[in-house]
Amino acid sequence: MTYEFVRSTERYKEWGFGKVLGIDGGVAQVEYFNGPLDEPLIGPLPVTALRQIALAPETRTYWYDQQAGVWRVGRVTDGEGRLISVRFPNGDDRVLPAKEVFDHANRFRGGVRTKT
């Protein structure tokens, strides 16, 4: 479950969705991304309160391009699991590790599918 997108059924559920950074003793540290200029919010949550989600196609995402030294904005083409397919401007399609893909957690607008 590490680095996969999740949504809480308990505390912090109003924050939308985040990513699991790690799990220790049944408690997950979940990172909530506000934007490229803000520090992420990190909250401890019981693993039992988390539901894995998939980012819906066309979800707006952010990725820090280390080579160029800039944040890039793209749209999800396939957002399930640990690899996320993202289309950037000019047809630049990439498959990125979920841990490198970010979206505004606190702007949840129904842009996810809960995995069953």
PDB file of N, CA and C in Angstrom:
ATOM      1  N   MET A   1       0.819  -1.192   0.000  1.00  0.00           N
ATOM      2  CA  MET A   1       0.000   0.000   0.000  1.00  0.00           C
ATOM      3  C   MET A   1       0.871   1.267   0.000  1.00  0.00           C
ATOM      4  N   THR A   2       2.139   1.157   0.299  1.00  0.00           N
ATOM      5  CA  THR A   2       2.992   2.332   0.351  1.00  0.00           C
ATOM      6  C   THR A   2       3.030   3.048  -0.995  1.00  0.00           C
ATOM      7  N   TYR A   3       2.851   4.341  -0.959  1.00  0.00           N
ATOM      8  CA  TYR A   3       2.838   5.266  -2.096  1.00  0.00           C
ATOM      9  C   TYR A   3       1.601   5.148  -2.978  1.00  0.00           C
ATOM     10  N   GLU A   4       0.652   4.340  -2.600  1.00  0.00           N
ATOM     11  CA  GLU A   4      -0.580   4.309  -3.374  1.00  0.00           C
ATOM     12  C   GLU A   4      -1.546   5.351  -2.817  1.00  0.00           C
ATOM     13  N   PHE A   5      -2.447   5.817  -3.674  1.00  0.00           N
ATOM     14  CA  PHE A   5      -3.410   6.826  -3.263  1.00  0.00           C
ATOM     15  C   PHE A   5      -4.493   6.189  -2.407  1.00  0.00           C
ATOM     16  N   VAL A   6      -4.883   6.896  -1.338  1.00  0.00           N
ATOM     17  CA  VAL A   6      -5.883   6.403  -0.398  1.00  0.00           C
ATOM     18  C   VAL A   6      -6.816   7.539   0.002  1.00  0.00           C
ATOM     19  N   ARG A   7      -7.923   7.131   0.565  1.00  0.00           N
ATOM     20  CA  ARG A   7      -8.895   8.075   1.131  1.00  0.00           C
ATOM     21  C   ARG A   7      -9.295   7.538   2.492  1.00  0.00           C
ATOM     22  N   SER A   8      -9.371   8.414   3.479  1.00  0.00           N
ATOM     23  CA  SER A   8      -9.722   8.007   4.836  1.00  0.00           C
ATOM     24  C   SER A   8     -11.228   7.929   5.010  1.00  0.00           C
ATOM     25  N   THR A   9     -11.663   6.960   5.805  1.00  0.00           N
ATOM     26  CA  THR A   9     -13.077   6.867   6.158  1.00  0.00           C
ATOM     27  C   THR A   9     -13.311   7.490   7.533  1.00  0.00           C
ATOM     28  N   GLU A  10     -12.229   7.953   8.167  1.00  0.00           N
ATOM     29  CA  GLU A  10     -12.334   8.537   9.507  1.00  0.00           C
ATOM     30  C   GLU A  10     -11.747   9.950   9.514  1.00  0.00           C
ATOM     31  N   ARG A  11     -10.819  10.165  10.398  1.00  0.00           N
ATOM     32  CA  ARG A  11     -10.147  11.463  10.548  1.00  0.00           C
ATOM     33  C   ARG A  11      -9.505  11.900   9.236  1.00  0.00           C
ATOM     34  N   TYR A  12      -9.500  13.177   8.964  1.00  0.00           N
ATOM     35  CA  TYR A  12      -8.913  13.802   7.774  1.00  0.00           C
ATOM     36  C   TYR A  12      -9.696  13.504   6.488  1.00  0.00           C
ATOM     37  N   LYS A  13     -10.860  12.890   6.570  1.00  0.00           N
ATOM     38  CA  LYS A  13     -11.566  12.566   5.327  1.00  0.00           C
ATOM     39  C   LYS A  13     -11.915  13.812   4.527  1.00  0.00           C
ATOM     40  N   GLU A  14     -12.077  14.961   5.202  1.00  0.00           N
ATOM     41  CA  GLU A  14     -12.366  16.203   4.477  1.00  0.00           C
ATOM     42  C   GLU A  14     -11.166  16.704   3.683  1.00  0.00           C
ATOM     43  N   TRP A  15      -9.982  16.154   3.939  1.00  0.00           N
ATOM     44  CA  TRP A  15      -8.782  16.534   3.195  1.00  0.00           C
ATOM     45  C   TRP A  15      -8.765  15.897   1.813  1.00  0.00           C
ATOM     46  N   GLY A  16      -9.662  14.955   1.560  1.00  0.00           N
ATOM     47  CA  GLY A  16      -9.682  14.298   0.254  1.00  0.00           C
ATOM     48  C   GLY A  16      -8.803  13.068   0.256  1.00  0.00           C
ATOM     49  N   PHE A  17      -7.906  12.983  -0.698  1.00  0.00           N
ATOM     50  CA  PHE A  17      -7.070  11.794  -0.779  1.00  0.00           C
ATOM     51  C   PHE A  17      -5.607  12.153  -0.645  1.00  0.00           C
ATOM     52  N   GLY A  18      -4.846  11.157  -0.197  1.00  0.00           N
ATOM     53  CA  GLY A  18      -3.421  11.339   0.001  1.00  0.00           C
ATOM     54  C   GLY A  18      -2.685  10.074  -0.397  1.00  0.00           C
ATOM     55  N   LYS A  19      -1.392  10.036  -0.035  1.00  0.00           N
ATOM     56  CA  LYS A  19      -0.567   8.870  -0.350  1.00  0.00           C
ATOM     57  C   LYS A  19       0.055   8.336   0.930  1.00  0.00           C
ATOM     58  N   VAL A  20       0.087   7.026   1.045  1.00  0.00           N
ATOM     59  CA  VAL A  20       0.708   6.379   2.196  1.00  0.00           C
ATOM     60  C   VAL A  20       2.220   6.452   2.044  1.00  0.00           C
ATOM     61  N   LEU A  21       2.876   7.042   3.053  1.00  0.00           N
ATOM     62  CA  LEU A  21       4.339   7.133   3.051  1.00  0.00           C
ATOM     63  C   LEU A  21       4.986   5.925   3.713  1.00  0.00           C
ATOM     64  N   GLY A  22       4.287   5.352   4.678  1.00  0.00           N
ATOM     65  CA  GLY A  22       4.814   4.189   5.382  1.00  0.00           C
ATOM     66  C   GLY A  22       3.795   3.705   6.389  1.00  0.00           C
ATOM     67  N   ILE A  23       3.998   2.471   6.843  1.00  0.00           N
ATOM     68  CA  ILE A  23       3.091   1.854   7.811  1.00  0.00           C
ATOM     69  C   ILE A  23       3.922   1.260   8.934  1.00  0.00           C
ATOM     70  N   ASP A  24       3.487   1.531  10.175  1.00  0.00           N
ATOM     71  CA  ASP A  24       4.172   0.979  11.335  1.00  0.00           C
ATOM     72  C   ASP A  24       3.122   0.590  12.367  1.00  0.00           C
ATOM     73  N   GLY A  25       3.052  -0.701  12.674  1.00  0.00           N
ATOM     74  CA  GLY A  25       2.129  -1.176  13.694  1.00  0.00           C
ATOM     75  C   GLY A  25       0.669  -0.877  13.419  1.00  0.00           C
ATOM     76  N   GLY A  26       0.241  -0.940  12.194  1.00  0.00           N
ATOM     77  CA  GLY A  26      -1.154  -0.711  11.848  1.00  0.00           C
ATOM     78  C   GLY A  26      -1.528   0.750  11.677  1.00  0.00           C
ATOM     79  N   VAL A  27      -0.528   1.645  11.775  1.00  0.00           N
ATOM     80  CA  VAL A  27      -0.777   3.075  11.589  1.00  0.00           C
ATOM     81  C   VAL A  27       0.008   3.547  10.366  1.00  0.00           C
ATOM     82  N   ALA A  28      -0.697   4.203   9.459  1.00  0.00           N
ATOM     83  CA  ALA A  28      -0.070   4.705   8.242  1.00  0.00           C
ATOM     84  C   ALA A  28       0.181   6.207   8.369  1.00  0.00           C
ATOM     85  N   GLN A  29       1.295   6.651   7.841  1.00  0.00           N
ATOM     86  CA  GLN A  29       1.564   8.085   7.699  1.00  0.00           C
ATOM     87  C   GLN A  29       1.089   8.460   6.296  1.00  0.00           C
ATOM     88  N   VAL A  30       0.079   9.332   6.225  1.00  0.00           N
ATOM     89  CA  VAL A  30      -0.526   9.690   4.945  1.00  0.00           C
ATOM     90  C   VAL A  30      -0.182  11.143   4.623  1.00  0.00           C
ATOM     91  N   GLU A  31       0.344  11.340   3.417  1.00  0.00           N
ATOM     92  CA  GLU A  31       0.735  12.665   2.952  1.00  0.00           C
ATOM     93  C   GLU A  31      -0.382  13.269   2.107  1.00  0.00           C
ATOM     94  N   TYR A  32      -0.745  14.514   2.433  1.00  0.00           N
ATOM     95  CA  TYR A  32      -1.753  15.260   1.681  1.00  0.00           C
ATOM     96  C   TYR A  32      -1.067  16.453   1.034  1.00  0.00           C
ATOM     97  N   PHE A  33      -1.138  16.535  -0.281  1.00  0.00           N
ATOM     98  CA  PHE A  33      -0.457  17.552  -1.079  1.00  0.00           C
ATOM     99  C   PHE A  33      -1.379  18.742  -1.316  1.00  0.00           C
ATOM    100  N   ASN A  34      -0.919  19.938  -0.959  1.00  0.00           N
ATOM    101  CA  ASN A  34      -1.707  21.162  -1.178  1.00  0.00           C
ATOM    102  C   ASN A  34      -1.332  21.850  -2.469  1.00  0.00           C
ATOM    103  N   GLY A  35      -0.093  21.759  -2.867  1.00  0.00           N
ATOM    104  CA  GLY A  35       0.378  22.416  -4.071  1.00  0.00           C
ATOM    105  C   GLY A  35       1.892  22.473  -4.075  1.00  0.00           C
ATOM    106  N   PRO A  36       2.483  22.774  -5.214  1.00  0.00           N
ATOM    107  CA  PRO A  36       3.938  22.762  -5.335  1.00  0.00           C
ATOM    108  C   PRO A  36       4.652  23.763  -4.439  1.00  0.00           C
ATOM    109  N   LEU A  37       3.964  24.801  -3.989  1.00  0.00           N
ATOM    110  CA  LEU A  37       4.615  25.816  -3.165  1.00  0.00           C
ATOM    111  C   LEU A  37       4.391  25.624  -1.671  1.00  0.00           C
ATOM    112  N   ASP A  38       3.543  24.668  -1.288  1.00  0.00           N
ATOM    113  CA  ASP A  38       3.211  24.421   0.119  1.00  0.00           C
ATOM    114  C   ASP A  38       3.835  23.130   0.621  1.00  0.00           C
ATOM    115  N   GLU A  39       4.125  23.108   1.909  1.00  0.00           N
ATOM    116  CA  GLU A  39       4.567  21.861   2.535  1.00  0.00           C
ATOM    117  C   GLU A  39       3.382  20.898   2.587  1.00  0.00           C
ATOM    118  N   PRO A  40       3.610  19.617   2.345  1.00  0.00           N
ATOM    119  CA  PRO A  40       2.488  18.667   2.441  1.00  0.00           C
ATOM    120  C   PRO A  40       2.049  18.513   3.893  1.00  0.00           C
ATOM    121  N   LEU A  41       0.796  18.141   4.084  1.00  0.00           N
ATOM    122  CA  LEU A  41       0.270  17.811   5.396  1.00  0.00           C
ATOM    123  C   LEU A  41       0.439  16.309   5.575  1.00  0.00           C
ATOM    124  N   ILE A  42       0.904  15.892   6.740  1.00  0.00           N
ATOM    125  CA  ILE A  42       1.090  14.463   6.996  1.00  0.00           C
ATOM    126  C   ILE A  42       0.321  14.106   8.255  1.00  0.00           C
ATOM    127  N   GLY A  43      -0.523  13.090   8.136  1.00  0.00           N
ATOM    128  CA  GLY A  43      -1.348  12.675   9.258  1.00  0.00           C
ATOM    129  C   GLY A  43      -1.265  11.189   9.496  1.00  0.00           C
ATOM    130  N   PRO A  44      -1.221  10.767  10.787  1.00  0.00           N
ATOM    131  CA  PRO A  44      -1.247   9.338  11.109  1.00  0.00           C
ATOM    132  C   PRO A  44      -2.685   8.826  11.089  1.00  0.00           C
ATOM    133  N   LEU A  45      -2.903   7.721  10.406  1.00  0.00           N
ATOM    134  CA  LEU A  45      -4.233   7.123  10.323  1.00  0.00           C
ATOM    135  C   LEU A  45      -4.140   5.611  10.454  1.00  0.00           C
ATOM    136  N   PRO A  46      -5.133   4.994  11.104  1.00  0.00           N
ATOM    137  CA  PRO A  46      -5.136   3.532  11.152  1.00  0.00           C
ATOM    138  C   PRO A  46      -5.334   2.963   9.745  1.00  0.00           C
ATOM    139  N   VAL A  47      -4.600   1.939   9.437  1.00  0.00           N
ATOM    140  CA  VAL A  47      -4.699   1.314   8.116  1.00  0.00           C
ATOM    141  C   VAL A  47      -6.123   0.858   7.842  1.00  0.00           C
ATOM    142  N   THR A  48      -6.830   0.446   8.863  1.00  0.00           N
ATOM    143  CA  THR A  48      -8.207  -0.029   8.693  1.00  0.00           C
ATOM    144  C   THR A  48      -9.156   1.089   8.249  1.00  0.00           C
ATOM    145  N   ALA A  49      -8.746   2.358   8.409  1.00  0.00           N
ATOM    146  CA  ALA A  49      -9.588   3.494   8.021  1.00  0.00           C
ATOM    147  C   ALA A  49      -9.285   3.970   6.606  1.00  0.00           C
ATOM    148  N   LEU A  50      -8.401   3.281   5.893  1.00  0.00           N
ATOM    149  CA  LEU A  50      -7.988   3.733   4.568  1.00  0.00           C
ATOM    150  C   LEU A  50      -8.571   2.856   3.471  1.00  0.00           C
ATOM    151  N   ARG A  51      -8.954   3.499   2.383  1.00  0.00           N
ATOM    152  CA  ARG A  51      -9.434   2.796   1.195  1.00  0.00           C
ATOM    153  C   ARG A  51      -8.560   3.220   0.021  1.00  0.00           C
ATOM    154  N   GLN A  52      -8.014   2.239  -0.684  1.00  0.00           N
ATOM    155  CA  GLN A  52      -7.214   2.558  -1.864  1.00  0.00           C
ATOM    156  C   GLN A  52      -8.126   3.126  -2.936  1.00  0.00           C
ATOM    157  N   ILE A  53      -7.591   4.074  -3.668  1.00  0.00           N
ATOM    158  CA  ILE A  53      -8.353   4.689  -4.752  1.00  0.00           C
ATOM    159  C   ILE A  53      -7.511   4.708  -6.017  1.00  0.00           C
ATOM    160  N   ALA A  54      -8.174   4.915  -7.122  1.00  0.00           N
ATOM    161  CA  ALA A  54      -7.506   5.120  -8.406  1.00  0.00           C
ATOM    162  C   ALA A  54      -7.847   6.526  -8.873  1.00  0.00           C
ATOM    163  N   LEU A  55      -6.862   7.241  -9.373  1.00  0.00           N
ATOM    164  CA  LEU A  55      -7.124   8.573  -9.917  1.00  0.00           C
ATOM    165  C   LEU A  55      -7.899   8.421 -11.220  1.00  0.00           C
ATOM    166  N   ALA A  56      -8.954   9.159 -11.343  1.00  0.00           N
ATOM    167  CA  ALA A  56      -9.791   9.082 -12.545  1.00  0.00           C
ATOM    168  C   ALA A  56      -9.073   9.709 -13.739  1.00  0.00           C
ATOM    169  N   PRO A  57      -9.338   9.201 -14.936  1.00  0.00           N
ATOM    170  CA  PRO A  57      -8.771   9.834 -16.129  1.00  0.00           C
ATOM    171  C   PRO A  57      -9.112  11.328 -16.153  1.00  0.00           C
ATOM    172  N   GLU A  58      -8.179  12.103 -16.632  1.00  0.00           N
ATOM    173  CA  GLU A  58      -8.282  13.563 -16.741  1.00  0.00           C
ATOM    174  C   GLU A  58      -8.052  14.292 -15.422  1.00  0.00           C
ATOM    175  N   THR A  59      -7.744  13.570 -14.334  1.00  0.00           N
ATOM    176  CA  THR A  59      -7.406  14.234 -13.082  1.00  0.00           C
ATOM    177  C   THR A  59      -6.143  15.053 -13.290  1.00  0.00           C
ATOM    178  N   ARG A  60      -6.177  16.296 -12.875  1.00  0.00           N
ATOM    179  CA  ARG A  60      -5.013  17.173 -13.004  1.00  0.00           C
ATOM    180  C   ARG A  60      -3.969  16.771 -11.966  1.00  0.00           C
ATOM    181  N   THR A  61      -2.737  16.579 -12.407  1.00  0.00           N
ATOM    182  CA  THR A  61      -1.666  16.153 -11.511  1.00  0.00           C
ATOM    183  C   THR A  61      -0.427  17.017 -11.676  1.00  0.00           C
ATOM    184  N   TYR A  62       0.455  16.891 -10.687  1.00  0.00           N
ATOM    185  CA  TYR A  62       1.728  17.606 -10.683  1.00  0.00           C
ATOM    186  C   TYR A  62       2.863  16.604 -10.568  1.00  0.00           C
ATOM    187  N   TRP A  63       3.959  16.904 -11.215  1.00  0.00           N
ATOM    188  CA  TRP A  63       5.159  16.067 -11.162  1.00  0.00           C
ATOM    189  C   TRP A  63       6.371  16.993 -11.195  1.00  0.00           C
ATOM    190  N   TYR A  64       7.319  16.753 -10.286  1.00  0.00           N
ATOM    191  CA  TYR A  64       8.526  17.568 -10.280  1.00  0.00           C
ATOM    192  C   TYR A  64       9.536  16.943 -11.227  1.00  0.00           C
ATOM    193  N   ASP A  65       9.835  17.630 -12.311  1.00  0.00           N
ATOM    194  CA  ASP A  65      10.793  17.173 -13.319  1.00  0.00           C
ATOM    195  C   ASP A  65      12.187  17.548 -12.827  1.00  0.00           C
ATOM    196  N   GLN A  66      12.886  16.567 -12.267  1.00  0.00           N
ATOM    197  CA  GLN A  66      14.214  16.807 -11.684  1.00  0.00           C
ATOM    198  C   GLN A  66      15.199  17.316 -12.726  1.00  0.00           C
ATOM    199  N   GLN A  67      15.106  16.786 -13.919  1.00  0.00           N
ATOM    200  CA  GLN A  67      16.033  17.175 -14.979  1.00  0.00           C
ATOM    201  C   GLN A  67      15.899  18.651 -15.337  1.00  0.00           C
ATOM    202  N   ALA A  68      14.670  19.126 -15.451  1.00  0.00           N
ATOM    203  CA  ALA A  68      14.422  20.521 -15.813  1.00  0.00           C
ATOM    204  C   ALA A  68      14.373  21.442 -14.594  1.00  0.00           C
ATOM    205  N   GLY A  69      14.178  20.843 -13.400  1.00  0.00           N
ATOM    206  CA  GLY A  69      14.095  21.644 -12.181  1.00  0.00           C
ATOM    207  C   GLY A  69      12.806  22.436 -12.049  1.00  0.00           C
ATOM    208  N   VAL A  70      11.703  21.900 -12.612  1.00  0.00           N
ATOM    209  CA  VAL A  70      10.415  22.599 -12.574  1.00  0.00           C
ATOM    210  C   VAL A  70       9.275  21.616 -12.301  1.00  0.00           C
ATOM    211  N   TRP A  71       8.179  22.159 -11.757  1.00  0.00           N
ATOM    212  CA  TRP A  71       6.958  21.378 -11.612  1.00  0.00           C
ATOM    213  C   TRP A  71       6.233  21.388 -12.946  1.00  0.00           C
ATOM    214  N   ARG A  72       5.737  20.220 -13.358  1.00  0.00           N
ATOM    215  CA  ARG A  72       4.965  20.104 -14.597  1.00  0.00           C
ATOM    216  C   ARG A  72       3.544  19.675 -14.249  1.00  0.00           C
ATOM    217  N   VAL A  73       2.601  20.185 -15.012  1.00  0.00           N
ATOM    218  CA  VAL A  73       1.186  19.869 -14.815  1.00  0.00           C
ATOM    219  C   VAL A  73       0.729  18.989 -15.968  1.00  0.00           C
ATOM    220  N   GLY A  74       0.054  17.889 -15.620  1.00  0.00           N
ATOM    221  CA  GLY A  74      -0.451  16.987 -16.639  1.00  0.00           C
ATOM    222  C   GLY A  74      -1.818  16.449 -16.261  1.00  0.00           C
ATOM    223  N   ARG A  75      -2.308  15.521 -17.068  1.00  0.00           N
ATOM    224  CA  ARG A  75      -3.603  14.873 -16.832  1.00  0.00           C
ATOM    225  C   ARG A  75      -3.414  13.366 -16.818  1.00  0.00           C
ATOM    226  N   VAL A  76      -4.061  12.715 -15.856  1.00  0.00           N
ATOM    227  CA  VAL A  76      -3.976  11.259 -15.728  1.00  0.00           C
ATOM    228  C   VAL A  76      -4.642  10.608 -16.929  1.00  0.00           C
ATOM    229  N   THR A  77      -3.975   9.568 -17.479  1.00  0.00           N
ATOM    230  CA  THR A  77      -4.606   8.737 -18.499  1.00  0.00           C
ATOM    231  C   THR A  77      -4.922   7.355 -17.922  1.00  0.00           C
ATOM    232  N   ASP A  78      -4.153   6.925 -16.917  1.00  0.00           N
ATOM    233  CA  ASP A  78      -4.438   5.687 -16.174  1.00  0.00           C
ATOM    234  C   ASP A  78      -3.879   5.878 -14.776  1.00  0.00           C
ATOM    235  N   GLY A  79      -4.752   5.864 -13.762  1.00  0.00           N
ATOM    236  CA  GLY A  79      -4.318   6.218 -12.424  1.00  0.00           C
ATOM    237  C   GLY A  79      -4.490   5.180 -11.363  1.00  0.00           C
ATOM    238  N   GLU A  80      -4.226   3.923 -11.672  1.00  0.00           N
ATOM    239  CA  GLU A  80      -4.423   2.873 -10.685  1.00  0.00           C
ATOM    240  C   GLU A  80      -3.105   2.189 -10.357  1.00  0.00           C
ATOM    241  N   GLY A  81      -2.870   1.954  -9.054  1.00  0.00           N
ATOM    242  CA  GLY A  81      -1.683   1.220  -8.626  1.00  0.00           C
ATOM    243  C   GLY A  81      -0.478   2.101  -8.381  1.00  0.00           C
ATOM    244  N   ARG A  82       0.685   1.493  -8.474  1.00  0.00           N
ATOM    245  CA  ARG A  82       1.932   2.197  -8.153  1.00  0.00           C
ATOM    246  C   ARG A  82       2.542   2.920  -9.340  1.00  0.00           C
ATOM    247  N   LEU A  83       1.990   2.702 -10.518  1.00  0.00           N
ATOM    248  CA  LEU A  83       2.439   3.419 -11.711  1.00  0.00           C
ATOM    249  C   LEU A  83       1.260   4.203 -12.273  1.00  0.00           C
ATOM    250  N   ILE A  84       1.485   5.485 -12.533  1.00  0.00           N
ATOM    251  CA  ILE A  84       0.433   6.369 -13.015  1.00  0.00           C
ATOM    252  C   ILE A  84       0.831   6.877 -14.396  1.00  0.00           C
ATOM    253  N   SER A  85      -0.055   6.727 -15.364  1.00  0.00           N
ATOM    254  CA  SER A  85       0.189   7.251 -16.712  1.00  0.00           C
ATOM    255  C   SER A  85      -0.336   8.675 -16.766  1.00  0.00           C
ATOM    256  N   VAL A  86       0.541   9.586 -17.205  1.00  0.00           N
ATOM    257  CA  VAL A  86       0.196  11.005 -17.241  1.00  0.00           C
ATOM    258  C   VAL A  86       0.539  11.573 -18.612  1.00  0.00           C
ATOM    259  N   ARG A  87      -0.357  12.391 -19.138  1.00  0.00           N
ATOM    260  CA  ARG A  87      -0.098  13.102 -20.395  1.00  0.00           C
ATOM    261  C   ARG A  87       0.186  14.564 -20.056  1.00  0.00           C
ATOM    262  N   PHE A  88       1.349  15.021 -20.481  1.00  0.00           N
ATOM    263  CA  PHE A  88       1.755  16.411 -20.316  1.00  0.00           C
ATOM    264  C   PHE A  88       1.542  17.129 -21.643  1.00  0.00           C
ATOM    265  N   PRO A  89       1.598  18.462 -21.647  1.00  0.00           N
ATOM    266  CA  PRO A  89       1.414  19.198 -22.900  1.00  0.00           C
ATOM    267  C   PRO A  89       2.335  18.698 -24.015  1.00  0.00           C
ATOM    268  N   ASN A  90       1.902  18.915 -25.221  1.00  0.00           N
ATOM    269  CA  ASN A  90       2.632  18.530 -26.438  1.00  0.00           C
ATOM    270  C   ASN A  90       2.769  17.020 -26.598  1.00  0.00           C
ATOM    271  N   GLY A  91       1.784  16.257 -26.074  1.00  0.00           N
ATOM    272  CA  GLY A  91       1.778  14.811 -26.250  1.00  0.00           C
ATOM    273  C   GLY A  91       2.886  14.075 -25.527  1.00  0.00           C
ATOM    274  N   ASP A  92       3.430  14.669 -24.486  1.00  0.00           N
ATOM    275  CA  ASP A  92       4.492  14.038 -23.702  1.00  0.00           C
ATOM    276  C   ASP A  92       3.856  13.077 -22.704  1.00  0.00           C
ATOM    277  N   ASP A  93       3.748  11.806 -23.071  1.00  0.00           N
ATOM    278  CA  ASP A  93       3.149  10.778 -22.229  1.00  0.00           C
ATOM    279  C   ASP A  93       4.235  10.104 -21.407  1.00  0.00           C
ATOM    280  N   ARG A  94       3.953   9.953 -20.107  1.00  0.00           N
ATOM    281  CA  ARG A  94       4.916   9.305 -19.207  1.00  0.00           C
ATOM    282  C   ARG A  94       4.196   8.362 -18.265  1.00  0.00           C
ATOM    283  N   VAL A  95       4.894   7.316 -17.881  1.00  0.00           N
ATOM    284  CA  VAL A  95       4.430   6.426 -16.828  1.00  0.00           C
ATOM    285  C   VAL A  95       5.347   6.697 -15.648  1.00  0.00           C
ATOM    286  N   LEU A  96       4.749   7.191 -14.555  1.00  0.00           N
ATOM    287  CA  LEU A  96       5.522   7.647 -13.407  1.00  0.00           C
ATOM    288  C   LEU A  96       5.164   6.852 -12.161  1.00  0.00           C
ATOM    289  N   PRO A  97       6.131   6.671 -11.265  1.00  0.00           N
ATOM    290  CA  PRO A  97       5.804   6.046  -9.979  1.00  0.00           C
ATOM    291  C   PRO A  97       4.796   6.926  -9.226  1.00  0.00           C
ATOM    292  N   ALA A  98       3.823   6.307  -8.588  1.00  0.00           N
ATOM    293  CA  ALA A  98       2.805   7.062  -7.847  1.00  0.00           C
ATOM    294  C   ALA A  98       3.435   7.987  -6.821  1.00  0.00           C
ATOM    295  N   LYS A  99       4.568   7.605  -6.254  1.00  0.00           N
ATOM    296  CA  LYS A  99       5.189   8.452  -5.240  1.00  0.00           C
ATOM    297  C   LYS A  99       5.664   9.786  -5.811  1.00  0.00           C
ATOM    298  N   GLU A 100       5.774   9.900  -7.137  1.00  0.00           N
ATOM    299  CA  GLU A 100       6.218  11.144  -7.771  1.00  0.00           C
ATOM    300  C   GLU A 100       5.070  11.974  -8.348  1.00  0.00           C
ATOM    301  N   VAL A 101       3.854  11.446  -8.279  1.00  0.00           N
ATOM    302  CA  VAL A 101       2.683  12.120  -8.843  1.00  0.00           C
ATOM    303  C   VAL A 101       1.874  12.716  -7.698  1.00  0.00           C
ATOM    304  N   PHE A 102       1.458  13.974  -7.860  1.00  0.00           N
ATOM    305  CA  PHE A 102       0.722  14.666  -6.811  1.00  0.00           C
ATOM    306  C   PHE A 102      -0.527  15.314  -7.381  1.00  0.00           C
ATOM    307  N   ASP A 103      -1.533  15.454  -6.518  1.00  0.00           N
ATOM    308  CA  ASP A 103      -2.752  16.170  -6.865  1.00  0.00           C
ATOM    309  C   ASP A 103      -3.218  16.903  -5.623  1.00  0.00           C
ATOM    310  N   HIS A 104      -3.985  17.973  -5.805  1.00  0.00           N
ATOM    311  CA  HIS A 104      -4.490  18.741  -4.667  1.00  0.00           C
ATOM    312  C   HIS A 104      -5.455  17.891  -3.856  1.00  0.00           C
ATOM    313  N   ALA A 105      -4.997  17.385  -2.727  1.00  0.00           N
ATOM    314  CA  ALA A 105      -5.825  16.524  -1.888  1.00  0.00           C
ATOM    315  C   ALA A 105      -7.055  17.246  -1.371  1.00  0.00           C
ATOM    316  N   ASN A 106      -6.912  18.503  -0.981  1.00  0.00           N
ATOM    317  CA  ASN A 106      -8.039  19.206  -0.365  1.00  0.00           C
ATOM    318  C   ASN A 106      -9.018  19.766  -1.384  1.00  0.00           C
ATOM    319  N   ARG A 107      -8.861  19.435  -2.637  1.00  0.00           N
ATOM    320  CA  ARG A 107      -9.812  19.885  -3.661  1.00  0.00           C
ATOM    321  C   ARG A 107     -10.544  18.687  -4.253  1.00  0.00           C
ATOM    322  N   PHE A 108     -10.800  17.687  -3.424  1.00  0.00           N
ATOM    323  CA  PHE A 108     -11.502  16.502  -3.902  1.00  0.00           C
ATOM    324  C   PHE A 108     -12.847  16.911  -4.485  1.00  0.00           C
ATOM    325  N   ARG A 109     -13.071  16.515  -5.730  1.00  0.00           N
ATOM    326  CA  ARG A 109     -14.323  16.845  -6.416  1.00  0.00           C
ATOM    327  C   ARG A 109     -14.919  15.601  -7.061  1.00  0.00           C
ATOM    328  N   GLY A 110     -14.659  14.449  -6.477  1.00  0.00           N
ATOM    329  CA  GLY A 110     -15.191  13.238  -7.066  1.00  0.00           C
ATOM    330  C   GLY A 110     -14.306  12.676  -8.158  1.00  0.00           C
ATOM    331  N   GLY A 111     -13.070  13.120  -8.253  1.00  0.00           N
ATOM    332  CA  GLY A 111     -12.184  12.682  -9.318  1.00  0.00           C
ATOM    333  C   GLY A 111     -11.448  11.395  -9.022  1.00  0.00           C
ATOM    334  N   VAL A 112     -12.031  10.514  -8.219  1.00  0.00           N
ATOM    335  CA  VAL A 112     -11.393   9.240  -7.908  1.00  0.00           C
ATOM    336  C   VAL A 112     -12.421   8.124  -7.929  1.00  0.00           C
ATOM    337  N   ARG A 113     -11.922   6.907  -8.068  1.00  0.00           N
ATOM    338  CA  ARG A 113     -12.758   5.717  -7.972  1.00  0.00           C
ATOM    339  C   ARG A 113     -12.259   4.921  -6.773  1.00  0.00           C
ATOM    340  N   THR A 114     -13.138   4.519  -5.891  1.00  0.00           N
ATOM    341  CA  THR A 114     -12.738   3.686  -4.756  1.00  0.00           C
ATOM    342  C   THR A 114     -12.552   2.265  -5.245  1.00  0.00           C
ATOM    343  N   LYS A 115     -11.400   1.658  -4.885  1.00  0.00           N
ATOM    344  CA  LYS A 115     -11.158   0.274  -5.263  1.00  0.00           C
ATOM    345  C   LYS A 115     -11.905  -0.639  -4.333  1.00  0.00           C
ATOM    346  N   THR A 116     -12.451  -1.712  -4.856  1.00  0.00           N
ATOM    347  CA  THR A 116     -13.178  -2.660  -4.016  1.00  0.00           C
ATOM    348  C   THR A 116     -12.421  -3.951  -3.899  1.00  0.00           C
TER     349      THR A 116
END
